[in-house]
Amino acid sequence: MLCTTIKENVECPFMTSSGCSYIDGVCRPVVEACEGCARVSEFPSGLYCSATPDPAAKWKRGRCNLATHVKEDTIETKSKINPLKASKRGSR
């Protein structure tokens, strides 16, 4: 249904015929860690996330899994090569 509280005329999974079913009946504004994310939308009442009603809860245990502006750190580990197998591969 379309939101009628804060994000007016935006599709919201928490809206019911009796109003917003989320805690306190309203979405929470974005936190500082959300700055630069593509999911942040500006509304007349402020900046809100288009993916989650409470962005602070997503950042509580580390990185938000919906964040588009945070790059994932990948650590490449070199695997140990067996010298005997490597010499056999090189002789082919």
C-alpha atoms as a PDB file:
ATOM      1  CA  MET A   1       0.000   0.000   0.000  1.00  0.00           C
ATOM      2  CA  LEU A   2       1.005   3.597  -0.404  1.00  0.00           C
ATOM      3  CA  CYS A   3       2.434   5.322   2.662  1.00  0.00           C
ATOM      4  CA  THR A   4       0.334   8.093   4.142  1.00  0.00           C
ATOM      5  CA  THR A   5       2.559   9.126   7.074  1.00  0.00           C
ATOM      6  CA  ILE A   6       6.114  10.253   6.257  1.00  0.00           C
ATOM      7  CA  LYS A   7       6.932   8.860   2.795  1.00  0.00           C
ATOM      8  CA  GLU A   8       3.715   9.982   1.143  1.00  0.00           C
ATOM      9  CA  ASN A   9       2.698   8.141  -2.056  1.00  0.00           C
ATOM     10  CA  VAL A  10       5.582   5.642  -1.792  1.00  0.00           C
ATOM     11  CA  GLU A  11       4.938   1.888  -1.760  1.00  0.00           C
ATOM     12  CA  CYS A  12       5.426   0.613   1.807  1.00  0.00           C
ATOM     13  CA  PRO A  13       5.137  -2.982   3.117  1.00  0.00           C
ATOM     14  CA  PHE A  14       4.178  -1.715   6.600  1.00  0.00           C
ATOM     15  CA  MET A  15       1.095   0.235   5.524  1.00  0.00           C
ATOM     16  CA  THR A  16      -2.265  -1.353   6.247  1.00  0.00           C
ATOM     17  CA  SER A  17      -5.794  -0.065   5.856  1.00  0.00           C
ATOM     18  CA  SER A  18      -5.677   1.073   9.498  1.00  0.00           C
ATOM     19  CA  GLY A  19      -2.347   2.941   9.131  1.00  0.00           C
ATOM     20  CA  CYS A  20       1.340   2.190   9.545  1.00  0.00           C
ATOM     21  CA  SER A  21       1.984  -1.090  11.362  1.00  0.00           C
ATOM     22  CA  TYR A  22       5.641  -0.318  12.180  1.00  0.00           C
ATOM     23  CA  ILE A  23       6.692   0.576  15.754  1.00  0.00           C
ATOM     24  CA  ASP A  24       5.153   3.947  16.738  1.00  0.00           C
ATOM     25  CA  GLY A  25       3.555   4.130  13.289  1.00  0.00           C
ATOM     26  CA  VAL A  26       6.417   6.002  11.572  1.00  0.00           C
ATOM     27  CA  CYS A  27       9.744   5.300   9.870  1.00  0.00           C
ATOM     28  CA  ARG A  28      13.012   6.492  11.409  1.00  0.00           C
ATOM     29  CA  PRO A  29      15.312   8.977   9.614  1.00  0.00           C
ATOM     30  CA  VAL A  30      18.684   7.827   8.273  1.00  0.00           C
ATOM     31  CA  VAL A  31      21.770   7.833  10.480  1.00  0.00           C
ATOM     32  CA  GLU A  32      25.149   9.393   9.724  1.00  0.00           C
ATOM     33  CA  ALA A  33      26.547   6.071   8.450  1.00  0.00           C
ATOM     34  CA  CYS A  34      23.920   6.052   5.664  1.00  0.00           C
ATOM     35  CA  GLU A  35      25.262   9.213   4.015  1.00  0.00           C
ATOM     36  CA  GLY A  36      26.170   8.481   0.398  1.00  0.00           C
ATOM     37  CA  CYS A  37      23.928   5.422   0.049  1.00  0.00           C
ATOM     38  CA  ALA A  38      21.806   5.178  -3.102  1.00  0.00           C
ATOM     39  CA  ARG A  39      18.795   4.022  -1.085  1.00  0.00           C
ATOM     40  CA  VAL A  40      18.487   7.322   0.832  1.00  0.00           C
ATOM     41  CA  SER A  41      15.537   9.382  -0.397  1.00  0.00           C
ATOM     42  CA  GLU A  42      14.677  12.949   0.482  1.00  0.00           C
ATOM     43  CA  PHE A  43      11.151  13.729   1.602  1.00  0.00           C
ATOM     44  CA  PRO A  44       9.652  16.994   2.918  1.00  0.00           C
ATOM     45  CA  SER A  45      10.074  15.705   6.479  1.00  0.00           C
ATOM     46  CA  GLY A  46      13.743  14.688   6.031  1.00  0.00           C
ATOM     47  CA  LEU A  47      16.005  11.923   4.691  1.00  0.00           C
ATOM     48  CA  TYR A  48      14.691   8.350   4.896  1.00  0.00           C
ATOM     49  CA  CYS A  49      15.856   4.936   3.673  1.00  0.00           C
ATOM     50  CA  SER A  50      13.757   3.427   0.903  1.00  0.00           C
ATOM     51  CA  ALA A  51      14.691  -0.139   1.908  1.00  0.00           C
ATOM     52  CA  THR A  52      14.217  -0.269   5.683  1.00  0.00           C
ATOM     53  CA  PRO A  53      12.081   1.654   8.178  1.00  0.00           C
ATOM     54  CA  ASP A  54      14.819   1.775  10.859  1.00  0.00           C
ATOM     55  CA  PRO A  55      18.323   2.297   9.397  1.00  0.00           C
ATOM     56  CA  ALA A  56      19.964   2.553  12.835  1.00  0.00           C
ATOM     57  CA  ALA A  57      18.993  -1.052  13.561  1.00  0.00           C
ATOM     58  CA  LYS A  58      20.793  -2.194  10.401  1.00  0.00           C
ATOM     59  CA  TRP A  59      24.050  -0.520  11.511  1.00  0.00           C
ATOM     60  CA  LYS A  60      23.835  -1.780  15.108  1.00  0.00           C
ATOM     61  CA  ARG A  61      25.908  -4.922  14.519  1.00  0.00           C
ATOM     62  CA  GLY A  62      28.391  -3.592  11.997  1.00  0.00           C
ATOM     63  CA  ARG A  63      27.871  -2.847   8.315  1.00  0.00           C
ATOM     64  CA  CYS A  64      24.359  -2.521   6.901  1.00  0.00           C
ATOM     65  CA  ASN A  65      23.711  -5.341   4.444  1.00  0.00           C
ATOM     66  CA  LEU A  66      21.708  -2.971   2.211  1.00  0.00           C
ATOM     67  CA  ALA A  67      24.368  -0.233   2.010  1.00  0.00           C
ATOM     68  CA  THR A  68      25.399   0.601  -1.550  1.00  0.00           C
ATOM     69  CA  HIS A  69      28.186   3.018  -0.637  1.00  0.00           C
ATOM     70  CA  VAL A  70      30.309   0.636   1.461  1.00  0.00           C
ATOM     71  CA  LYS A  71      32.808  -1.539  -0.358  1.00  0.00           C
ATOM     72  CA  GLU A  72      33.336  -5.040   0.961  1.00  0.00           C
ATOM     73  CA  ASP A  73      36.906  -5.728   2.028  1.00  0.00           C
ATOM     74  CA  THR A  74      38.138  -8.966   0.501  1.00  0.00           C
ATOM     75  CA  ILE A  75      41.376 -10.441   1.693  1.00  0.00           C
ATOM     76  CA  GLU A  76      43.097 -12.745  -0.737  1.00  0.00           C
ATOM     77  CA  THR A  77      45.053 -15.515   0.892  1.00  0.00           C
ATOM     78  CA  LYS A  78      47.702 -17.397  -0.971  1.00  0.00           C
ATOM     79  CA  SER A  79      47.202 -21.102  -0.756  1.00  0.00           C
ATOM     80  CA  LYS A  80      50.184 -23.249  -0.003  1.00  0.00           C
ATOM     81  CA  ILE A  81      51.401 -25.157  -3.071  1.00  0.00           C
ATOM     82  CA  ASN A  82      52.727 -28.651  -2.712  1.00  0.00           C
ATOM     83  CA  PRO A  83      56.235 -28.535  -4.324  1.00  0.00           C
ATOM     84  CA  LEU A  84      56.003 -32.140  -5.540  1.00  0.00           C
ATOM     85  CA  LYS A  85      52.726 -31.502  -7.400  1.00  0.00           C
ATOM     86  CA  ALA A  86      54.058 -28.208  -8.766  1.00  0.00           C
ATOM     87  CA  SER A  87      57.112 -29.943 -10.251  1.00  0.00           C
ATOM     88  CA  LYS A  88      54.900 -32.574 -11.902  1.00  0.00           C
ATOM     89  CA  ARG A  89      52.695 -29.854 -13.424  1.00  0.00           C
ATOM     90  CA  GLY A  90      55.719 -28.016 -14.749  1.00  0.00           C
ATOM     91  CA  SER A  91      57.064 -31.124 -16.506  1.00  0.00           C
ATOM     92  CA  ARG A  92      53.968 -31.520 -18.720  1.00  0.00           C
END
